[in-house]
């Protein structure tokens, strides 16, 4: 998914279908579904994004990307709560496996456990 709210559609055509700024509930052609705030036809502010694989992100969006604080629940039960940058875990956070056998609390760098942290 690109940062544009409506792929393959001109901004003028998209404006006729959805508000440029405000709250929307929108399903993408990819099967993803977004409910939340937009600005200038990009995901912006607080929202929830259900991916086609069944994972769900709830949290902050900036310029069309997951950013700031958020939580992702994966179909297998895995869960990440913490900071995001450009759609990946980045900064402090907690990752717990669905069966509870693995827990990491600490720093993430571009989606990977990195820096100080504790594994239990």
N, C-alpha and C. Protein backbone atom coordinates (compact mmCIF):
# COMPACT_ATOMS: atom_id res chain seq x y z
N UNK A 1 0.85 -1.17 0.00
CA UNK A 1 0.00 0.00 0.00
C UNK A 1 0.88 1.22 0.00
N UNK A 2 0.63 2.15 -0.86
CA UNK A 2 1.39 3.39 -0.88
C UNK A 2 0.81 4.35 0.13
N UNK A 3 1.47 5.51 0.27
CA UNK A 3 0.98 6.48 1.23
C UNK A 3 -0.26 7.21 0.74
N UNK A 4 -0.55 7.12 -0.55
CA UNK A 4 -1.78 7.75 -1.06
C UNK A 4 -2.98 6.92 -0.64
N UNK A 5 -4.05 7.58 -0.28
CA UNK A 5 -5.23 6.88 0.20
C UNK A 5 -5.87 6.05 -0.90
N UNK A 6 -5.95 6.58 -2.09
CA UNK A 6 -6.60 5.87 -3.18
C UNK A 6 -5.59 5.69 -4.31
N UNK A 7 -5.08 4.46 -4.46
CA UNK A 7 -4.09 4.19 -5.50
C UNK A 7 -4.74 4.19 -6.87
N UNK A 8 -4.00 4.68 -7.83
CA UNK A 8 -4.46 4.62 -9.21
C UNK A 8 -5.60 5.57 -9.53
N UNK A 9 -5.84 6.53 -8.66
CA UNK A 9 -6.93 7.47 -8.88
C UNK A 9 -6.37 8.88 -8.73
N UNK A 10 -6.74 9.76 -9.62
CA UNK A 10 -6.27 11.13 -9.51
C UNK A 10 -6.84 11.78 -8.26
N UNK A 11 -6.14 12.77 -7.74
CA UNK A 11 -6.60 13.48 -6.55
C UNK A 11 -7.97 14.09 -6.78
N UNK A 12 -8.20 14.63 -7.96
CA UNK A 12 -9.50 15.24 -8.25
C UNK A 12 -10.62 14.21 -8.21
N UNK A 13 -10.37 13.04 -8.79
CA UNK A 13 -11.40 11.99 -8.78
C UNK A 13 -11.63 11.48 -7.36
N UNK A 14 -10.56 11.34 -6.59
CA UNK A 14 -10.70 10.86 -5.22
C UNK A 14 -11.48 11.84 -4.37
N UNK A 15 -11.27 13.13 -4.58
CA UNK A 15 -11.98 14.15 -3.81
C UNK A 15 -13.48 14.08 -4.04
N UNK A 16 -13.91 13.62 -5.20
CA UNK A 16 -15.33 13.47 -5.48
C UNK A 16 -15.94 12.32 -4.68
N UNK A 17 -15.10 11.33 -4.30
CA UNK A 17 -15.59 10.14 -3.61
C UNK A 17 -15.46 10.21 -2.10
N UNK A 18 -14.39 10.79 -1.61
CA UNK A 18 -14.12 10.82 -0.17
C UNK A 18 -13.65 12.21 0.23
N UNK A 19 -13.82 12.58 1.49
CA UNK A 19 -13.36 13.89 1.91
C UNK A 19 -11.83 13.96 1.90
N UNK A 20 -11.28 15.13 1.64
CA UNK A 20 -9.84 15.32 1.65
C UNK A 20 -9.32 15.22 3.07
N UNK A 21 -10.09 15.73 4.02
CA UNK A 21 -9.72 15.73 5.43
C UNK A 21 -10.93 15.33 6.25
N UNK A 22 -10.71 14.49 7.28
CA UNK A 22 -11.80 14.10 8.15
C UNK A 22 -11.69 12.65 8.56
N UNK A 23 -12.80 12.06 8.97
CA UNK A 23 -12.85 10.66 9.39
C UNK A 23 -13.46 9.85 8.27
N UNK A 24 -12.83 8.69 7.96
CA UNK A 24 -13.34 7.83 6.89
C UNK A 24 -13.32 6.37 7.33
N UNK A 25 -14.10 5.57 6.65
CA UNK A 25 -14.02 4.12 6.70
C UNK A 25 -13.89 3.71 5.25
N UNK A 26 -12.77 3.08 4.91
CA UNK A 26 -12.45 2.86 3.51
C UNK A 26 -11.81 1.49 3.32
N UNK A 27 -12.22 0.75 2.28
CA UNK A 27 -11.59 -0.52 1.96
C UNK A 27 -10.79 -0.37 0.67
N UNK A 28 -9.52 -0.78 0.73
CA UNK A 28 -8.64 -0.71 -0.42
C UNK A 28 -8.88 -1.92 -1.33
N UNK A 29 -8.46 -1.81 -2.58
CA UNK A 29 -8.58 -2.91 -3.53
C UNK A 29 -7.79 -4.13 -3.06
N UNK A 30 -6.78 -3.93 -2.21
CA UNK A 30 -5.94 -5.02 -1.71
C UNK A 30 -6.62 -5.83 -0.62
N UNK A 31 -7.81 -5.38 -0.17
CA UNK A 31 -8.52 -6.05 0.91
C UNK A 31 -8.27 -5.42 2.26
N UNK A 32 -7.35 -4.47 2.33
CA UNK A 32 -7.10 -3.76 3.59
C UNK A 32 -8.26 -2.81 3.87
N UNK A 33 -8.53 -2.59 5.15
CA UNK A 33 -9.61 -1.69 5.54
C UNK A 33 -9.08 -0.70 6.56
N UNK A 34 -9.36 0.58 6.34
CA UNK A 34 -8.92 1.64 7.24
C UNK A 34 -10.12 2.39 7.79
N UNK A 35 -10.09 2.63 9.08
CA UNK A 35 -11.07 3.50 9.73
C UNK A 35 -10.29 4.49 10.57
N UNK A 36 -10.45 5.76 10.26
CA UNK A 36 -9.74 6.76 11.03
C UNK A 36 -9.65 8.08 10.30
N UNK A 37 -8.70 8.87 10.74
CA UNK A 37 -8.54 10.22 10.22
C UNK A 37 -7.67 10.24 8.98
N UNK A 38 -7.97 11.18 8.09
CA UNK A 38 -7.14 11.45 6.92
C UNK A 38 -6.93 12.95 6.81
N UNK A 39 -5.86 13.30 6.11
CA UNK A 39 -5.60 14.69 5.76
C UNK A 39 -4.94 14.69 4.39
N UNK A 40 -5.45 15.48 3.50
CA UNK A 40 -4.94 15.56 2.13
C UNK A 40 -4.86 14.17 1.48
N UNK A 41 -5.90 13.37 1.70
CA UNK A 41 -6.04 12.03 1.13
C UNK A 41 -4.96 11.06 1.58
N UNK A 42 -4.36 11.30 2.75
CA UNK A 42 -3.38 10.38 3.34
C UNK A 42 -3.83 10.02 4.74
N UNK A 43 -3.50 8.80 5.18
CA UNK A 43 -3.79 8.39 6.55
C UNK A 43 -3.02 9.32 7.47
N UNK A 44 -3.74 9.97 8.40
CA UNK A 44 -3.11 10.98 9.25
C UNK A 44 -3.89 11.08 10.55
N UNK A 45 -3.20 10.94 11.67
CA UNK A 45 -3.86 10.99 12.97
C UNK A 45 -4.09 9.58 13.48
N UNK A 46 -5.14 9.40 14.24
CA UNK A 46 -5.43 8.10 14.86
C UNK A 46 -6.34 7.28 13.96
N UNK A 47 -6.03 5.98 13.85
CA UNK A 47 -6.86 5.12 13.03
C UNK A 47 -6.58 3.65 13.28
N UNK A 48 -7.33 2.82 12.58
CA UNK A 48 -7.15 1.36 12.65
C UNK A 48 -7.07 0.83 11.23
N UNK A 49 -6.06 -0.01 10.98
CA UNK A 49 -5.85 -0.57 9.66
C UNK A 49 -5.82 -2.09 9.77
N UNK A 50 -6.79 -2.74 9.12
CA UNK A 50 -6.84 -4.21 9.08
C UNK A 50 -6.23 -4.63 7.75
N UNK A 51 -5.13 -5.39 7.84
CA UNK A 51 -4.44 -5.85 6.64
C UNK A 51 -5.14 -7.09 6.08
N UNK A 52 -4.87 -7.37 4.82
CA UNK A 52 -5.48 -8.51 4.14
C UNK A 52 -5.11 -9.83 4.82
N UNK A 53 -3.94 -9.89 5.50
CA UNK A 53 -3.53 -11.12 6.18
C UNK A 53 -4.22 -11.31 7.53
N UNK A 54 -5.05 -10.34 7.93
CA UNK A 54 -5.77 -10.43 9.19
C UNK A 54 -5.14 -9.69 10.34
N UNK A 55 -3.91 -9.20 10.18
CA UNK A 55 -3.29 -8.41 11.24
C UNK A 55 -3.98 -7.05 11.32
N UNK A 56 -3.99 -6.50 12.55
CA UNK A 56 -4.67 -5.23 12.78
C UNK A 56 -3.72 -4.28 13.51
N UNK A 57 -3.56 -3.08 12.95
CA UNK A 57 -2.79 -2.02 13.59
C UNK A 57 -3.76 -0.96 14.07
N UNK A 58 -3.59 -0.53 15.31
CA UNK A 58 -4.36 0.58 15.86
C UNK A 58 -3.38 1.57 16.45
N UNK A 59 -3.48 2.81 15.99
CA UNK A 59 -2.55 3.80 16.51
C UNK A 59 -2.45 5.02 15.62
N UNK A 60 -1.27 5.62 15.67
CA UNK A 60 -1.00 6.87 14.97
C UNK A 60 -0.52 6.64 13.54
N UNK A 61 -0.92 7.56 12.66
CA UNK A 61 -0.45 7.58 11.27
C UNK A 61 0.08 8.98 10.97
N UNK A 62 1.15 9.05 10.19
CA UNK A 62 1.73 10.32 9.76
C UNK A 62 2.04 10.21 8.27
N UNK A 63 1.50 11.13 7.48
CA UNK A 63 1.79 11.17 6.05
C UNK A 63 1.52 9.83 5.36
N UNK A 64 0.54 9.07 5.85
CA UNK A 64 0.18 7.82 5.22
C UNK A 64 0.86 6.58 5.77
N UNK A 65 1.72 6.74 6.76
CA UNK A 65 2.48 5.63 7.34
C UNK A 65 2.14 5.44 8.81
N UNK A 66 2.32 4.21 9.30
CA UNK A 66 2.25 3.97 10.75
C UNK A 66 3.42 4.70 11.37
N UNK A 67 3.15 5.48 12.40
CA UNK A 67 4.21 6.22 13.08
C UNK A 67 3.74 6.54 14.49
N UNK A 68 4.68 6.90 15.34
CA UNK A 68 4.29 7.23 16.71
C UNK A 68 3.89 5.99 17.48
N UNK A 69 2.92 6.12 18.36
CA UNK A 69 2.50 5.00 19.20
C UNK A 69 1.43 4.17 18.53
N UNK A 70 1.55 2.85 18.70
CA UNK A 70 0.56 1.96 18.10
C UNK A 70 0.68 0.55 18.62
N UNK A 71 -0.25 -0.29 18.17
CA UNK A 71 -0.31 -1.69 18.56
C UNK A 71 -0.71 -2.50 17.35
N UNK A 72 0.03 -3.60 17.11
CA UNK A 72 -0.33 -4.54 16.05
C UNK A 72 -0.63 -5.89 16.66
N UNK A 73 -1.78 -6.44 16.31
CA UNK A 73 -2.16 -7.80 16.70
C UNK A 73 -2.10 -8.65 15.44
N UNK A 74 -1.31 -9.72 15.47
CA UNK A 74 -1.14 -10.58 14.31
C UNK A 74 -2.09 -11.78 14.39
N UNK A 75 -2.43 -12.38 13.25
CA UNK A 75 -3.38 -13.51 13.25
C UNK A 75 -2.94 -14.69 14.12
N UNK A 76 -1.64 -14.90 14.28
CA UNK A 76 -1.15 -16.02 15.09
C UNK A 76 -1.12 -15.70 16.59
N UNK A 77 -1.58 -14.49 16.96
CA UNK A 77 -1.62 -14.09 18.35
C UNK A 77 -0.46 -13.23 18.79
N UNK A 78 0.61 -13.12 17.98
CA UNK A 78 1.72 -12.24 18.31
C UNK A 78 1.21 -10.80 18.43
N UNK A 79 1.89 -10.03 19.29
CA UNK A 79 1.44 -8.66 19.52
C UNK A 79 2.64 -7.75 19.74
N UNK A 80 2.62 -6.58 19.11
CA UNK A 80 3.62 -5.54 19.34
C UNK A 80 2.90 -4.29 19.81
N UNK A 81 3.42 -3.71 20.88
CA UNK A 81 2.92 -2.43 21.39
C UNK A 81 4.11 -1.52 21.53
N UNK A 82 4.05 -0.35 20.93
CA UNK A 82 5.17 0.57 21.06
C UNK A 82 5.21 1.59 19.95
N UNK A 83 6.41 2.02 19.62
CA UNK A 83 6.62 3.08 18.64
C UNK A 83 6.86 2.49 17.25
N UNK A 84 6.38 3.24 16.24
CA UNK A 84 6.52 2.88 14.84
C UNK A 84 7.11 4.05 14.08
N UNK A 85 7.79 3.73 12.98
CA UNK A 85 8.25 4.74 12.05
C UNK A 85 8.18 4.15 10.65
N UNK A 86 7.50 4.84 9.76
CA UNK A 86 7.32 4.38 8.37
C UNK A 86 6.95 2.91 8.29
N UNK A 87 5.93 2.54 9.04
CA UNK A 87 5.28 1.21 9.00
C UNK A 87 6.02 0.09 9.72
N UNK A 88 7.13 0.35 10.40
CA UNK A 88 7.85 -0.72 11.10
C UNK A 88 8.06 -0.35 12.57
N UNK A 89 8.29 -1.39 13.40
CA UNK A 89 8.62 -1.15 14.81
C UNK A 89 9.92 -0.34 14.83
N UNK A 90 9.93 0.75 15.58
CA UNK A 90 11.13 1.58 15.64
C UNK A 90 11.06 2.44 16.89
N UNK A 91 11.98 2.20 17.82
CA UNK A 91 11.96 2.88 19.11
C UNK A 91 11.59 1.88 20.19
N UNK A 92 11.14 2.38 21.31
CA UNK A 92 10.81 1.49 22.43
C UNK A 92 9.51 0.75 22.19
N UNK A 93 9.47 -0.50 22.68
CA UNK A 93 8.27 -1.29 22.51
C UNK A 93 8.35 -2.64 23.17
N UNK A 94 7.26 -3.38 23.07
CA UNK A 94 7.15 -4.73 23.62
C UNK A 94 6.58 -5.64 22.55
N UNK A 95 7.24 -6.79 22.37
CA UNK A 95 6.74 -7.80 21.45
C UNK A 95 6.52 -9.08 22.26
N UNK A 96 5.33 -9.68 22.12
CA UNK A 96 5.00 -10.91 22.83
C UNK A 96 4.48 -11.91 21.81
N UNK A 97 5.02 -13.14 21.83
CA UNK A 97 4.53 -14.17 20.92
C UNK A 97 3.15 -14.62 21.36
N UNK A 98 2.40 -15.12 20.41
CA UNK A 98 1.02 -15.52 20.67
C UNK A 98 0.87 -16.59 21.73
N UNK A 99 1.85 -17.48 21.82
CA UNK A 99 1.77 -18.55 22.82
C UNK A 99 2.43 -18.17 24.14
N UNK A 100 2.98 -16.95 24.20
CA UNK A 100 3.59 -16.45 25.44
C UNK A 100 4.99 -16.98 25.72
N UNK A 101 5.56 -17.74 24.78
CA UNK A 101 6.89 -18.32 25.01
C UNK A 101 8.03 -17.33 24.81
N UNK A 102 7.76 -16.19 24.20
CA UNK A 102 8.80 -15.20 23.91
C UNK A 102 8.26 -13.81 24.20
N UNK A 103 9.04 -13.03 24.93
CA UNK A 103 8.68 -11.63 25.19
C UNK A 103 9.95 -10.79 25.14
N UNK A 104 9.90 -9.72 24.36
CA UNK A 104 11.00 -8.77 24.27
C UNK A 104 10.48 -7.40 24.65
N UNK A 105 11.16 -6.77 25.60
CA UNK A 105 10.84 -5.41 26.00
C UNK A 105 12.11 -4.60 25.81
N UNK A 106 12.06 -3.60 24.95
CA UNK A 106 13.26 -2.81 24.71
C UNK A 106 13.16 -1.99 23.45
N UNK A 107 14.31 -1.80 22.83
CA UNK A 107 14.43 -0.95 21.66
C UNK A 107 14.33 -1.76 20.37
N UNK A 108 13.72 -1.14 19.36
CA UNK A 108 13.65 -1.71 18.02
C UNK A 108 14.29 -0.71 17.06
N UNK A 109 14.90 -1.24 16.02
CA UNK A 109 15.46 -0.39 14.96
C UNK A 109 15.00 -0.96 13.63
N UNK A 110 14.21 -0.21 12.92
CA UNK A 110 13.68 -0.58 11.60
C UNK A 110 13.13 -2.01 11.58
N UNK A 111 12.32 -2.33 12.60
CA UNK A 111 11.61 -3.60 12.64
C UNK A 111 12.31 -4.74 13.36
N UNK A 112 13.53 -4.51 13.82
CA UNK A 112 14.30 -5.56 14.47
C UNK A 112 14.62 -5.19 15.91
N UNK A 113 14.69 -6.21 16.79
CA UNK A 113 15.15 -5.98 18.16
C UNK A 113 16.58 -5.44 18.07
N UNK A 114 16.85 -4.35 18.76
CA UNK A 114 18.15 -3.69 18.60
C UNK A 114 18.42 -2.82 19.82
N UNK A 115 19.64 -2.86 20.32
CA UNK A 115 20.00 -2.01 21.45
C UNK A 115 19.62 -2.68 22.77
N UNK A 116 19.31 -1.87 23.74
CA UNK A 116 18.98 -2.38 25.06
C UNK A 116 17.59 -3.00 25.08
N UNK A 117 17.50 -4.16 25.72
CA UNK A 117 16.23 -4.84 25.83
C UNK A 117 16.35 -6.09 26.67
N UNK A 118 15.21 -6.65 27.03
CA UNK A 118 15.17 -7.85 27.85
C UNK A 118 14.31 -8.89 27.14
N UNK A 119 14.85 -10.11 27.05
CA UNK A 119 14.10 -11.22 26.47
C UNK A 119 13.75 -12.17 27.60
N UNK A 120 12.48 -12.55 27.67
CA UNK A 120 12.06 -13.53 28.68
C UNK A 120 11.25 -14.62 28.02
